[in-house]
């Protein structure tokens, strides 16, 4: 009898990049099949962006702030909602890697296939980033006509660099969150959403971290999203250059260097445990 391993090209022969990209193509095809859900989440992102950012307009209409401060608040909230739309999309796509397999009934096939788990997770991470970029740009294009914003002093290069470096740390965090559905088939997906909620609370998405109670501010320092938001706002609102944000980039670099290997190693250990205990099944 010929084994599956004999039919499947070894990573060295097939090319690690090709194997990883295969998961990008597969997820792209899945999203094409579930295009209606993508439309729902796009609409949700647009409505959330508008609803939050209109708060700044309400502040201006009530005369609670000057027009200059209102413009800054609009930009502050707009960046926060857009960055969070991006981060939550990345966290969703990567942390639900096991949940996707259970939905499709392919978990045994995928996790038992002779494909290095690191390449599998890297492929899912690449898809998550690309998908999040497309969705966020669409939200931005739809929402921006509702507001009069001057981007004349924005440094888009700084924002792009911060987002690129920060995406590594968010991918690592998402892989760690993706361990939860492996360990807890019944409630792991819900637990991964709780991780997102905690990141949203402590990272200063809709407000400055300084307004949080002191004990909560401590957690903001260990959230990569805090540094991503600070760096992007610094580039777009204050016009900071890449060199001006080197501390933020250094912190994000450390997060990415630690979280990605830690996430992959932890996921592989959890996978072995799940296989030994019979957790690799479609339903909890």
C-alpha atoms as a PDB file:
ATOM      1  CA  UNK A   1       0.000   0.000   0.000  1.00  0.00           C
ATOM      2  CA  UNK A   2       1.287   3.451  -0.920  1.00  0.00           C
ATOM      3  CA  UNK A   3       1.118   5.996   1.889  1.00  0.00           C
ATOM      4  CA  UNK A   4      -0.122   9.594   1.572  1.00  0.00           C
ATOM      5  CA  UNK A   5       3.383  10.810   2.313  1.00  0.00           C
ATOM      6  CA  UNK A   6       4.619   9.106  -0.876  1.00  0.00           C
ATOM      7  CA  UNK A   7       2.040  10.998  -2.946  1.00  0.00           C
ATOM      8  CA  UNK A   8       2.736  14.368  -1.314  1.00  0.00           C
ATOM      9  CA  UNK A   9       5.875  16.228  -2.397  1.00  0.00           C
ATOM     10  CA  UNK A  10       8.283  16.846   0.435  1.00  0.00           C
ATOM     11  CA  UNK A  11       8.580  20.490   1.525  1.00  0.00           C
ATOM     12  CA  UNK A  12      12.074  20.673   0.089  1.00  0.00           C
ATOM     13  CA  UNK A  13      10.935  19.456  -3.349  1.00  0.00           C
ATOM     14  CA  UNK A  14       7.650  21.324  -3.529  1.00  0.00           C
ATOM     15  CA  UNK A  15       9.086  24.492  -2.037  1.00  0.00           C
ATOM     16  CA  UNK A  16       8.051  25.833   1.351  1.00  0.00           C
ATOM     17  CA  UNK A  17       6.734  29.020  -0.213  1.00  0.00           C
ATOM     18  CA  UNK A  18       4.450  27.081  -2.567  1.00  0.00           C
ATOM     19  CA  UNK A  19       3.072  24.979   0.265  1.00  0.00           C
ATOM     20  CA  UNK A  20       2.365  28.057   2.373  1.00  0.00           C
ATOM     21  CA  UNK A  21       0.774  29.850  -0.574  1.00  0.00           C
ATOM     22  CA  UNK A  22      -1.512  26.875  -1.151  1.00  0.00           C
ATOM     23  CA  UNK A  23      -3.308  27.754   2.095  1.00  0.00           C
ATOM     24  CA  UNK A  24      -3.674  31.348   0.906  1.00  0.00           C
ATOM     25  CA  UNK A  25      -5.339  30.089  -2.271  1.00  0.00           C
ATOM     26  CA  UNK A  26      -7.584  27.725  -0.341  1.00  0.00           C
ATOM     27  CA  UNK A  27      -8.801  30.433   2.040  1.00  0.00           C
ATOM     28  CA  UNK A  28      -9.363  32.768  -0.877  1.00  0.00           C
ATOM     29  CA  UNK A  29     -11.594  30.176  -2.500  1.00  0.00           C
ATOM     30  CA  UNK A  30     -13.479  29.694   0.758  1.00  0.00           C
ATOM     31  CA  UNK A  31     -14.150  33.417   1.039  1.00  0.00           C
ATOM     32  CA  UNK A  32     -15.378  33.424  -2.562  1.00  0.00           C
ATOM     33  CA  UNK A  33     -17.824  30.696  -1.622  1.00  0.00           C
ATOM     34  CA  UNK A  34     -18.965  32.621   1.462  1.00  0.00           C
ATOM     35  CA  UNK A  35     -19.007  36.020  -0.282  1.00  0.00           C
ATOM     36  CA  UNK A  36     -22.273  36.955   1.428  1.00  0.00           C
ATOM     37  CA  UNK A  37     -20.597  36.717   4.839  1.00  0.00           C
ATOM     38  CA  UNK A  38     -17.757  38.887   3.581  1.00  0.00           C
ATOM     39  CA  UNK A  39     -20.323  41.450   2.506  1.00  0.00           C
ATOM     40  CA  UNK A  40     -21.887  41.327   5.968  1.00  0.00           C
ATOM     41  CA  UNK A  41     -18.556  41.933   7.721  1.00  0.00           C
ATOM     42  CA  UNK A  42     -17.669  44.702   5.287  1.00  0.00           C
ATOM     43  CA  UNK A  43     -20.963  46.437   6.016  1.00  0.00           C
ATOM     44  CA  UNK A  44     -20.443  45.937   9.742  1.00  0.00           C
ATOM     45  CA  UNK A  45     -16.984  47.512   9.489  1.00  0.00           C
ATOM     46  CA  UNK A  46     -18.328  50.512   7.594  1.00  0.00           C
ATOM     47  CA  UNK A  47     -21.206  51.073  10.022  1.00  0.00           C
ATOM     48  CA  UNK A  48     -18.929  50.691  13.047  1.00  0.00           C
ATOM     49  CA  UNK A  49     -16.437  53.170  11.573  1.00  0.00           C
ATOM     50  CA  UNK A  50     -19.130  55.731  10.841  1.00  0.00           C
ATOM     51  CA  UNK A  51     -20.959  55.266  14.152  1.00  0.00           C
ATOM     52  CA  UNK A  52     -17.818  55.737  16.256  1.00  0.00           C
ATOM     53  CA  UNK A  53     -16.416  58.622  14.221  1.00  0.00           C
ATOM     54  CA  UNK A  54     -19.728  60.518  14.223  1.00  0.00           C
ATOM     55  CA  UNK A  55     -19.255  60.848  17.990  1.00  0.00           C
ATOM     56  CA  UNK A  56     -16.636  63.501  17.244  1.00  0.00           C
ATOM     57  CA  UNK A  57     -19.109  65.408  15.092  1.00  0.00           C
ATOM     58  CA  UNK A  58     -21.632  65.313  17.920  1.00  0.00           C
ATOM     59  CA  UNK A  59     -19.012  66.818  20.230  1.00  0.00           C
ATOM     60  CA  UNK A  60     -18.484  69.634  17.735  1.00  0.00           C
ATOM     61  CA  UNK A  61     -22.195  70.285  17.226  1.00  0.00           C
ATOM     62  CA  UNK A  62     -22.664  70.695  20.967  1.00  0.00           C
ATOM     63  CA  UNK A  63     -19.822  73.207  21.150  1.00  0.00           C
ATOM     64  CA  UNK A  64     -17.883  71.075  23.609  1.00  0.00           C
ATOM     65  CA  UNK A  65     -14.662  71.547  21.638  1.00  0.00           C
ATOM     66  CA  UNK A  66     -13.154  73.886  19.077  1.00  0.00           C
ATOM     67  CA  UNK A  67     -13.265  73.040  15.382  1.00  0.00           C
ATOM     68  CA  UNK A  68      -9.552  72.205  15.428  1.00  0.00           C
ATOM     69  CA  UNK A  69      -9.947  69.792  18.323  1.00  0.00           C
ATOM     70  CA  UNK A  70     -13.007  68.256  16.685  1.00  0.00           C
ATOM     71  CA  UNK A  71     -11.018  67.639  13.489  1.00  0.00           C
ATOM     72  CA  UNK A  72      -8.284  65.961  15.521  1.00  0.00           C
ATOM     73  CA  UNK A  73     -10.857  63.840  17.347  1.00  0.00           C
ATOM     74  CA  UNK A  74     -12.464  62.778  14.057  1.00  0.00           C
ATOM     75  CA  UNK A  75      -9.077  61.699  12.740  1.00  0.00           C
ATOM     76  CA  UNK A  76      -8.194  59.992  16.039  1.00  0.00           C
ATOM     77  CA  UNK A  77     -11.408  57.939  16.030  1.00  0.00           C
ATOM     78  CA  UNK A  78     -11.265  57.222  12.299  1.00  0.00           C
ATOM     79  CA  UNK A  79      -7.750  55.809  12.580  1.00  0.00           C
ATOM     80  CA  UNK A  80      -8.759  53.791  15.625  1.00  0.00           C
ATOM     81  CA  UNK A  81     -11.757  52.203  13.927  1.00  0.00           C
ATOM     82  CA  UNK A  82      -9.852  51.444  10.729  1.00  0.00           C
ATOM     83  CA  UNK A  83      -6.860  49.964  12.542  1.00  0.00           C
ATOM     84  CA  UNK A  84      -9.172  47.865  14.678  1.00  0.00           C
ATOM     85  CA  UNK A  85     -11.029  46.670  11.560  1.00  0.00           C
ATOM     86  CA  UNK A  86      -7.658  45.510  10.237  1.00  0.00           C
ATOM     87  CA  UNK A  87      -6.453  43.933  13.477  1.00  0.00           C
ATOM     88  CA  UNK A  88      -9.711  42.122  14.190  1.00  0.00           C
ATOM     89  CA  UNK A  89      -9.764  40.702  10.653  1.00  0.00           C
ATOM     90  CA  UNK A  90      -6.227  39.365  11.078  1.00  0.00           C
ATOM     91  CA  UNK A  91      -7.051  37.930  14.495  1.00  0.00           C
ATOM     92  CA  UNK A  92     -10.226  36.300  13.156  1.00  0.00           C
ATOM     93  CA  UNK A  93      -8.670  34.646  10.119  1.00  0.00           C
ATOM     94  CA  UNK A  94      -5.658  33.235  11.949  1.00  0.00           C
ATOM     95  CA  UNK A  95      -7.111  32.372  15.365  1.00  0.00           C
ATOM     96  CA  UNK A  96      -9.983  30.463  13.733  1.00  0.00           C
ATOM     97  CA  UNK A  97      -7.629  28.241  11.732  1.00  0.00           C
ATOM     98  CA  UNK A  98      -8.892  25.112  13.517  1.00  0.00           C
ATOM     99  CA  UNK A  99     -12.497  26.287  13.581  1.00  0.00           C
ATOM    100  CA  UNK A 100     -12.426  26.698   9.785  1.00  0.00           C
ATOM    101  CA  UNK A 101     -11.298  23.089   9.438  1.00  0.00           C
ATOM    102  CA  UNK A 102     -14.108  21.886  11.698  1.00  0.00           C
ATOM    103  CA  UNK A 103     -16.680  23.882   9.751  1.00  0.00           C
ATOM    104  CA  UNK A 104     -15.483  22.345   6.496  1.00  0.00           C
ATOM    105  CA  UNK A 105     -15.038  18.853   7.934  1.00  0.00           C
ATOM    106  CA  UNK A 106     -11.397  18.762   6.848  1.00  0.00           C
ATOM    107  CA  UNK A 107      -9.604  18.953  10.170  1.00  0.00           C
ATOM    108  CA  UNK A 108      -8.320  15.379  10.105  1.00  0.00           C
ATOM    109  CA  UNK A 109      -7.160  15.718   6.491  1.00  0.00           C
ATOM    110  CA  UNK A 110      -5.354  19.012   7.070  1.00  0.00           C
ATOM    111  CA  UNK A 111      -3.753  18.298  10.427  1.00  0.00           C
ATOM    112  CA  UNK A 112      -2.739  14.765   9.473  1.00  0.00           C
ATOM    113  CA  UNK A 113      -1.291  15.750   6.089  1.00  0.00           C
ATOM    114  CA  UNK A 114       2.542  15.694   5.798  1.00  0.00           C
ATOM    115  CA  UNK A 115       2.776  19.486   5.665  1.00  0.00           C
ATOM    116  CA  UNK A 116       4.944  21.281   8.249  1.00  0.00           C
ATOM    117  CA  UNK A 117       2.655  23.046  10.669  1.00  0.00           C
ATOM    118  CA  UNK A 118       4.801  26.170  10.501  1.00  0.00           C
ATOM    119  CA  UNK A 119       4.123  26.490   6.759  1.00  0.00           C
ATOM    120  CA  UNK A 120       0.411  25.933   7.341  1.00  0.00           C
ATOM    121  CA  UNK A 121       0.284  28.707   9.941  1.00  0.00           C
ATOM    122  CA  UNK A 122       2.450  31.046   7.873  1.00  0.00           C
ATOM    123  CA  UNK A 123       0.138  30.563   4.900  1.00  0.00           C
ATOM    124  CA  UNK A 124      -2.910  31.325   7.034  1.00  0.00           C
ATOM    125  CA  UNK A 125      -1.147  34.388   8.424  1.00  0.00           C
ATOM    126  CA  UNK A 126      -0.321  35.709   4.961  1.00  0.00           C
ATOM    127  CA  UNK A 127      -3.931  35.263   3.910  1.00  0.00           C
ATOM    128  CA  UNK A 128      -5.148  36.973   7.081  1.00  0.00           C
ATOM    129  CA  UNK A 129      -2.967  40.025   6.436  1.00  0.00           C
ATOM    130  CA  UNK A 130      -3.882  40.305   2.741  1.00  0.00           C
ATOM    131  CA  UNK A 131      -7.576  39.827   3.436  1.00  0.00           C
ATOM    132  CA  UNK A 132      -7.501  42.404   6.237  1.00  0.00           C
ATOM    133  CA  UNK A 133      -5.731  44.957   4.012  1.00  0.00           C
ATOM    134  CA  UNK A 134      -8.352  44.615   1.270  1.00  0.00           C
ATOM    135  CA  UNK A 135     -11.281  44.837   3.672  1.00  0.00           C
ATOM    136  CA  UNK A 136      -9.845  47.829   5.548  1.00  0.00           C
ATOM    137  CA  UNK A 137      -9.103  49.744   2.344  1.00  0.00           C
ATOM    138  CA  UNK A 138     -12.697  49.184   1.214  1.00  0.00           C
ATOM    139  CA  UNK A 139     -14.010  50.443   4.562  1.00  0.00           C
ATOM    140  CA  UNK A 140     -11.755  53.499   4.320  1.00  0.00           C
ATOM    141  CA  UNK A 141     -12.899  54.256   0.757  1.00  0.00           C
ATOM    142  CA  UNK A 142     -16.574  54.045   1.738  1.00  0.00           C
ATOM    143  CA  UNK A 143     -16.285  55.974   5.012  1.00  0.00           C
ATOM    144  CA  UNK A 144     -13.951  58.837   4.064  1.00  0.00           C
ATOM    145  CA  UNK A 145     -16.515  60.823   1.980  1.00  0.00           C
ATOM    146  CA  UNK A 146     -18.631  61.287   5.128  1.00  0.00           C
ATOM    147  CA  UNK A 147     -15.954  63.459   6.770  1.00  0.00           C
ATOM    148  CA  UNK A 148     -13.913  66.475   5.817  1.00  0.00           C
ATOM    149  CA  UNK A 149     -10.368  65.500   6.773  1.00  0.00           C
ATOM    150  CA  UNK A 150      -7.081  67.105   5.802  1.00  0.00           C
ATOM    151  CA  UNK A 151      -4.331  64.524   5.301  1.00  0.00           C
ATOM    152  CA  UNK A 152      -1.834  67.126   4.133  1.00  0.00           C
ATOM    153  CA  UNK A 153       0.535  66.546   7.061  1.00  0.00           C
ATOM    154  CA  UNK A 154       0.217  62.743   7.117  1.00  0.00           C
ATOM    155  CA  UNK A 155       3.285  60.577   6.694  1.00  0.00           C
ATOM    156  CA  UNK A 156       1.856  57.502   4.986  1.00  0.00           C
ATOM    157  CA  UNK A 157       5.225  55.780   4.789  1.00  0.00           C
ATOM    158  CA  UNK A 158       5.503  55.752   8.574  1.00  0.00           C
ATOM    159  CA  UNK A 159       1.979  54.362   8.901  1.00  0.00           C
ATOM    160  CA  UNK A 160       2.712  51.634   6.332  1.00  0.00           C
ATOM    161  CA  UNK A 161       5.985  50.609   8.002  1.00  0.00           C
ATOM    162  CA  UNK A 162       4.392  50.477  11.440  1.00  0.00           C
ATOM    163  CA  UNK A 163       1.521  48.384  10.098  1.00  0.00           C
ATOM    164  CA  UNK A 164       3.861  46.002   8.280  1.00  0.00           C
ATOM    165  CA  UNK A 165       6.088  45.412  11.318  1.00  0.00           C
ATOM    166  CA  UNK A 166       3.114  45.305  13.678  1.00  0.00           C
ATOM    167  CA  UNK A 167       1.352  42.697  11.555  1.00  0.00           C
ATOM    168  CA  UNK A 168       4.015  40.166  12.530  1.00  0.00           C
ATOM    169  CA  UNK A 169       3.250  40.575  16.223  1.00  0.00           C
ATOM    170  CA  UNK A 170      -0.510  40.425  15.660  1.00  0.00           C
ATOM    171  CA  UNK A 171      -0.078  37.261  13.593  1.00  0.00           C
ATOM    172  CA  UNK A 172       1.903  35.705  16.442  1.00  0.00           C
ATOM    173  CA  UNK A 173      -0.778  36.683  18.950  1.00  0.00           C
ATOM    174  CA  UNK A 174      -3.472  35.265  16.660  1.00  0.00           C
ATOM    175  CA  UNK A 175      -1.633  31.934  16.362  1.00  0.00           C
ATOM    176  CA  UNK A 176      -1.507  31.735  20.152  1.00  0.00           C
ATOM    177  CA  UNK A 177      -5.245  32.452  20.315  1.00  0.00           C
ATOM    178  CA  UNK A 178      -5.764  29.755  17.691  1.00  0.00           C
ATOM    179  CA  UNK A 179      -4.547  27.184  20.202  1.00  0.00           C
ATOM    180  CA  UNK A 180      -7.761  27.623  22.217  1.00  0.00           C
ATOM    181  CA  UNK A 181     -10.095  25.910  19.702  1.00  0.00           C
ATOM    182  CA  UNK A 182      -7.647  22.987  19.665  1.00  0.00           C
ATOM    183  CA  UNK A 183      -7.737  22.623  23.435  1.00  0.00           C
ATOM    184  CA  UNK A 184     -11.447  23.354  23.886  1.00  0.00           C
ATOM    185  CA  UNK A 185     -13.545  22.166  20.901  1.00  0.00           C
ATOM    186  CA  UNK A 186     -16.822  23.298  22.504  1.00  0.00           C
ATOM    187  CA  UNK A 187     -15.883  26.860  23.469  1.00  0.00           C
ATOM    188  CA  UNK A 188     -12.431  27.570  22.075  1.00  0.00           C
ATOM    189  CA  UNK A 189     -13.679  29.904  19.333  1.00  0.00           C
ATOM    190  CA  UNK A 190     -15.564  31.990  21.888  1.00  0.00           C
ATOM    191  CA  UNK A 191     -12.449  32.137  24.048  1.00  0.00           C
ATOM    192  CA  UNK A 192     -10.421  33.455  21.101  1.00  0.00           C
ATOM    193  CA  UNK A 193     -12.967  36.261  20.729  1.00  0.00           C
ATOM    194  CA  UNK A 194     -12.394  37.074  24.394  1.00  0.00           C
ATOM    195  CA  UNK A 195      -8.716  37.614  23.576  1.00  0.00           C
ATOM    196  CA  UNK A 196      -9.796  40.149  20.966  1.00  0.00           C
ATOM    197  CA  UNK A 197     -12.050  41.881  23.480  1.00  0.00           C
ATOM    198  CA  UNK A 198      -9.173  42.265  25.940  1.00  0.00           C
ATOM    199  CA  UNK A 199      -6.911  43.686  23.233  1.00  0.00           C
ATOM    200  CA  UNK A 200      -9.665  46.143  22.266  1.00  0.00           C
ATOM    201  CA  UNK A 201     -10.106  47.261  25.872  1.00  0.00           C
ATOM    202  CA  UNK A 202      -6.496  47.976  26.795  1.00  0.00           C
ATOM    203  CA  UNK A 203      -4.958  49.165  23.519  1.00  0.00           C
ATOM    204  CA  UNK A 204      -6.468  52.641  23.156  1.00  0.00           C
ATOM    205  CA  UNK A 205      -8.527  51.991  20.042  1.00  0.00           C
ATOM    206  CA  UNK A 206     -11.228  54.573  20.810  1.00  0.00           C
ATOM    207  CA  UNK A 207      -9.529  56.535  23.598  1.00  0.00           C
ATOM    208  CA  UNK A 208      -6.126  57.320  25.019  1.00  0.00           C
ATOM    209  CA  UNK A 209      -4.663  54.582  27.184  1.00  0.00           C
ATOM    210  CA  UNK A 210      -4.132  57.217  29.889  1.00  0.00           C
ATOM    211  CA  UNK A 211      -7.875  57.289  30.681  1.00  0.00           C
ATOM    212  CA  UNK A 212      -7.788  53.668  31.839  1.00  0.00           C
ATOM    213  CA  UNK A 213      -7.415  52.785  35.525  1.00  0.00           C
ATOM    214  CA  UNK A 214      -3.770  52.327  36.471  1.00  0.00           C
ATOM    215  CA  UNK A 215      -4.015  48.564  36.838  1.00  0.00           C
ATOM    216  CA  UNK A 216      -5.474  48.262  33.319  1.00  0.00           C
ATOM    217  CA  UNK A 217      -2.829  50.509  31.803  1.00  0.00           C
ATOM    218  CA  UNK A 218      -0.257  47.884  32.780  1.00  0.00           C
ATOM    219  CA  UNK A 219      -1.811  45.475  30.261  1.00  0.00           C
ATOM    220  CA  UNK A 220      -1.588  48.054  27.475  1.00  0.00           C
ATOM    221  CA  UNK A 221       2.201  47.750  27.564  1.00  0.00           C
ATOM    222  CA  UNK A 222       2.028  44.061  26.616  1.00  0.00           C
ATOM    223  CA  UNK A 223      -0.494  44.559  23.806  1.00  0.00           C
ATOM    224  CA  UNK A 224       1.098  44.963  20.356  1.00  0.00           C
ATOM    225  CA  UNK A 225      -2.016  46.835  19.229  1.00  0.00           C
ATOM    226  CA  UNK A 226      -1.121  49.714  21.569  1.00  0.00           C
ATOM    227  CA  UNK A 227       2.136  50.316  19.728  1.00  0.00           C
ATOM    228  CA  UNK A 228       0.560  49.857  16.297  1.00  0.00           C
ATOM    229  CA  UNK A 229      -2.062  52.502  17.067  1.00  0.00           C
ATOM    230  CA  UNK A 230       0.486  54.895  18.561  1.00  0.00           C
ATOM    231  CA  UNK A 231       2.797  54.528  15.568  1.00  0.00           C
ATOM    232  CA  UNK A 232       0.102  54.945  12.921  1.00  0.00           C
ATOM    233  CA  UNK A 233      -1.479  57.906  14.703  1.00  0.00           C
ATOM    234  CA  UNK A 234       1.944  59.457  15.100  1.00  0.00           C
ATOM    235  CA  UNK A 235       2.579  59.147  11.371  1.00  0.00           C
ATOM    236  CA  UNK A 236      -0.834  60.325  10.149  1.00  0.00           C
ATOM    237  CA  UNK A 237      -1.834  62.890  12.788  1.00  0.00           C
ATOM    238  CA  UNK A 238       1.559  64.259  13.810  1.00  0.00           C
ATOM    239  CA  UNK A 239       3.477  63.589  10.594  1.00  0.00           C
ATOM    240  CA  UNK A 240       6.244  61.661  12.367  1.00  0.00           C
ATOM    241  CA  UNK A 241       8.903  60.044  10.224  1.00  0.00           C
ATOM    242  CA  UNK A 242       9.993  56.419  10.384  1.00  0.00           C
ATOM    243  CA  UNK A 243      13.052  57.400  12.414  1.00  0.00           C
ATOM    244  CA  UNK A 244      10.843  59.322  14.852  1.00  0.00           C
ATOM    245  CA  UNK A 245       8.948  56.112  15.622  1.00  0.00           C
ATOM    246  CA  UNK A 246      11.976  53.860  16.055  1.00  0.00           C
ATOM    247  CA  UNK A 247      11.051  53.038  19.653  1.00  0.00           C
ATOM    248  CA  UNK A 248       7.611  51.866  18.556  1.00  0.00           C
ATOM    249  CA  UNK A 249       9.084  49.848  15.686  1.00  0.00           C
ATOM    250  CA  UNK A 250      11.682  48.308  18.013  1.00  0.00           C
ATOM    251  CA  UNK A 251       8.964  47.259  20.464  1.00  0.00           C
ATOM    252  CA  UNK A 252       6.880  45.739  17.656  1.00  0.00           C
ATOM    253  CA  UNK A 253       9.956  43.975  16.327  1.00  0.00           C
ATOM    254  CA  UNK A 254      10.519  42.374  19.728  1.00  0.00           C
ATOM    255  CA  UNK A 255       6.866  41.336  19.941  1.00  0.00           C
ATOM    256  CA  UNK A 256       7.014  39.731  16.499  1.00  0.00           C
ATOM    257  CA  UNK A 257      10.309  37.976  17.188  1.00  0.00           C
ATOM    258  CA  UNK A 258       8.900  36.458  20.367  1.00  0.00           C
ATOM    259  CA  UNK A 259       5.253  35.837  19.516  1.00  0.00           C
ATOM    260  CA  UNK A 260       5.575  34.121  16.119  1.00  0.00           C
ATOM    261  CA  UNK A 261       7.975  31.322  17.219  1.00  0.00           C
ATOM    262  CA  UNK A 262       6.150  31.036  20.551  1.00  0.00           C
ATOM    263  CA  UNK A 263       2.802  30.775  18.776  1.00  0.00           C
ATOM    264  CA  UNK A 264       3.995  28.128  16.319  1.00  0.00           C
ATOM    265  CA  UNK A 265       5.694  26.014  18.991  1.00  0.00           C
ATOM    266  CA  UNK A 266       2.674  26.272  21.301  1.00  0.00           C
ATOM    267  CA  UNK A 267       0.279  25.382  18.482  1.00  0.00           C
ATOM    268  CA  UNK A 268       2.339  22.322  17.548  1.00  0.00           C
ATOM    269  CA  UNK A 269       2.422  21.146  21.157  1.00  0.00           C
ATOM    270  CA  UNK A 270      -1.334  21.651  21.499  1.00  0.00           C
ATOM    271  CA  UNK A 271      -1.884  19.787  18.233  1.00  0.00           C
ATOM    272  CA  UNK A 272       0.030  16.751  19.495  1.00  0.00           C
ATOM    273  CA  UNK A 273      -1.974  16.804  22.707  1.00  0.00           C
ATOM    274  CA  UNK A 274      -5.243  17.072  20.757  1.00  0.00           C
ATOM    275  CA  UNK A 275      -4.284  14.092  18.596  1.00  0.00           C
ATOM    276  CA  UNK A 276      -3.439  11.962  21.632  1.00  0.00           C
ATOM    277  CA  UNK A 277      -6.693  12.846  23.397  1.00  0.00           C
ATOM    278  CA  UNK A 278      -9.006  12.574  20.380  1.00  0.00           C
ATOM    279  CA  UNK A 279      -9.818  16.289  20.145  1.00  0.00           C
ATOM    280  CA  UNK A 280      -9.411  16.390  16.356  1.00  0.00           C
ATOM    281  CA  UNK A 281     -13.059  16.024  15.509  1.00  0.00           C
ATOM    282  CA  UNK A 282     -15.438  18.302  13.734  1.00  0.00           C
ATOM    283  CA  UNK A 283     -17.871  18.985  16.544  1.00  0.00           C
ATOM    284  CA  UNK A 284     -17.197  19.630  20.208  1.00  0.00           C
END
